Protein backbone atom coordinates (compact mmCIF):
# COMPACT_ATOMS: atom_id res chain seq x y z
CA MET A 1 52.80 -29.65 -26.17
CA LYS A 2 52.81 -32.83 -24.08
CA ILE A 3 51.95 -30.85 -20.95
CA ILE A 4 49.00 -29.17 -22.67
CA GLY A 5 47.65 -32.56 -23.76
CA GLU A 6 48.00 -33.96 -20.25
CA PHE A 7 46.28 -30.88 -18.84
CA LYS A 8 43.36 -31.28 -21.27
CA LYS A 9 43.07 -34.94 -20.28
CA PHE A 10 43.17 -34.03 -16.58
CA ILE A 11 40.64 -31.22 -16.80
CA SER A 12 38.17 -33.25 -18.87
CA ARG A 13 37.93 -36.06 -16.32
CA GLY A 14 34.55 -36.33 -14.63
CA ASN A 15 35.82 -35.96 -11.06
CA VAL A 16 37.44 -32.60 -11.74
CA ILE A 17 34.30 -31.23 -13.34
CA ASP A 18 32.12 -32.55 -10.49
CA MET A 19 34.46 -30.97 -7.97
CA ALA A 20 34.37 -27.63 -9.80
CA VAL A 21 30.58 -27.67 -9.83
CA GLY A 22 30.61 -28.49 -6.11
CA VAL A 23 32.93 -25.58 -5.33
CA ILE A 24 30.78 -23.16 -7.33
CA MET A 25 27.58 -24.39 -5.69
CA GLY A 26 29.26 -24.22 -2.27
CA THR A 27 30.25 -20.62 -2.87
CA ALA A 28 26.71 -19.68 -3.86
CA PHE A 29 25.30 -21.61 -0.91
CA THR A 30 27.67 -19.81 1.46
CA LYS A 31 26.26 -16.47 0.31
CA ILE A 32 22.75 -17.70 1.07
CA VAL A 33 23.73 -18.92 4.53
CA ASN A 34 25.63 -15.72 5.31
CA SER A 35 22.58 -13.72 4.30
CA LEU A 36 20.37 -15.90 6.50
CA VAL A 37 22.69 -15.45 9.46
CA THR A 38 23.17 -11.72 8.94
CA SER A 39 19.54 -10.87 8.18
CA VAL A 40 17.55 -13.34 10.26
CA ILE A 41 19.53 -15.27 12.90
CA THR A 42 21.72 -12.44 14.18
CA PRO A 43 18.82 -10.01 14.75
CA ALA A 44 16.89 -12.78 16.51
CA MET A 45 19.87 -13.54 18.74
CA SER A 46 20.31 -9.85 19.48
CA ILE A 47 17.03 -10.03 21.36
CA LEU A 48 18.58 -12.65 23.66
CA THR A 49 22.01 -11.06 24.04
CA GLY A 50 21.02 -7.41 23.96
CA LYS A 51 23.70 -6.76 21.34
CA VAL A 52 22.81 -5.91 17.76
CA ASN A 53 25.84 -7.49 16.11
CA ILE A 54 27.11 -10.77 17.52
CA ALA A 55 30.30 -10.59 15.46
CA ALA A 56 31.17 -7.29 17.16
CA MET A 57 31.00 -8.81 20.65
CA ALA A 58 34.37 -8.66 22.37
CA TYR A 59 35.94 -8.73 25.81
CA LYS A 60 38.23 -5.78 26.42
CA VAL A 61 41.30 -6.67 28.46
CA ASN A 62 42.59 -3.10 28.34
CA ASP A 63 42.50 -0.17 25.90
CA GLU A 64 44.75 -1.94 23.38
CA ILE A 65 43.78 -5.59 23.74
CA SER A 66 40.38 -7.15 23.22
CA ILE A 67 39.26 -10.73 22.63
CA ALA A 68 36.80 -10.79 19.74
CA TYR A 69 34.78 -13.86 20.69
CA GLY A 70 31.78 -12.61 18.70
CA GLU A 71 33.44 -13.41 15.39
CA PHE A 72 34.09 -16.92 16.65
CA LEU A 73 30.43 -17.31 17.67
CA GLN A 74 29.37 -16.02 14.24
CA ALA A 75 31.61 -18.59 12.52
CA ILE A 76 30.13 -21.37 14.66
CA ILE A 77 26.59 -20.28 13.78
CA ASP A 78 27.50 -20.18 10.06
CA PHE A 79 29.04 -23.65 10.25
CA LEU A 80 26.09 -25.18 12.08
CA LEU A 81 23.60 -23.71 9.63
CA VAL A 82 25.57 -25.00 6.64
CA ALA A 83 25.85 -28.44 8.27
CA ILE A 84 22.10 -28.55 9.00
CA CYS A 85 21.22 -27.49 5.45
CA ILE A 86 23.59 -30.00 3.86
CA PHE A 87 22.26 -32.74 6.16
CA ALA A 88 18.69 -31.91 5.11
CA ILE A 89 19.61 -31.92 1.42
CA VAL A 90 21.54 -35.21 1.62
CA THR A 91 18.81 -37.00 3.59
CA THR A 92 16.18 -35.78 1.12
CA ILE A 93 18.25 -36.99 -1.84
CA ASN A 94 18.80 -40.37 -0.16
CA LYS A 95 15.06 -40.78 0.49
CA VAL A 96 14.26 -39.98 -3.14
CA ARG A 97 16.91 -42.46 -4.35
CA ASP A 98 15.53 -45.16 -2.04
CA LYS A 99 11.99 -44.62 -3.34
CA LEU A 100 13.18 -44.73 -6.95
CA SER A 101 15.20 -47.90 -6.41
CA LYS A 102 12.22 -49.58 -4.69
CA LYS A 103 10.00 -48.67 -7.64
CA GLU A 104 12.53 -50.18 -10.04
CA GLU A 105 12.69 -53.37 -7.97
CA GLU A 106 8.90 -53.63 -7.75
CA ALA A 107 8.33 -53.01 -11.45
CA PRO A 108 7.53 -56.29 -13.19
CA LYS A 109 10.28 -57.30 -15.51
CA GLU A 110 9.36 -58.56 -18.94
CA PRO A 111 10.87 -61.88 -19.87
CA PRO A 112 13.62 -61.53 -22.44
CA LYS A 113 12.45 -61.78 -26.01
CA PRO A 114 13.50 -64.99 -27.73
CA SER A 115 16.24 -64.78 -30.30
CA GLU A 116 15.58 -65.16 -34.01
CA GLU A 117 16.90 -68.73 -33.91
CA VAL A 118 14.47 -69.68 -31.15
CA LEU A 119 11.59 -68.05 -33.04
CA LEU A 120 12.55 -69.92 -36.21
CA LEU A 121 12.83 -73.24 -34.38
CA THR A 122 9.47 -72.65 -32.70
CA GLU A 123 7.90 -71.96 -36.08
CA ILE A 124 9.42 -75.13 -37.55
CA ARG A 125 8.17 -77.15 -34.57
CA ASP A 126 4.66 -75.78 -34.97
CA LEU A 127 4.70 -76.59 -38.70
CA LEU A 128 5.88 -80.14 -38.01
CA LYS A 129 3.05 -80.66 -35.52
CA LYS A 130 0.49 -79.78 -38.20
């Protein structure tokens, strides 16, 4: 029973939940990037290379051995696209945060309201003046 309680405490911590959301979003984002590479980038690159499928590119040493460098190129393209997209997202988020923090700093702050004691003393002072 102690292990179950510790597990519940561990799993309910904010960092674990944030990490789980990040992994799920990363998985979904990977599908989008893979689709982009497969459907858009690879056909465009096939115009340059003359090959339809970059991942299938290989250097044949002999009938039994071939070096599949195309898969490596495909992995590099996937990585660079993910890095570019994440960079764009992070810079956009940072710009929005900077704008919001500047607006908060520029917003005029109201002076703190006086406490009940101060209000009462002010009222007494005003009555004494009369």
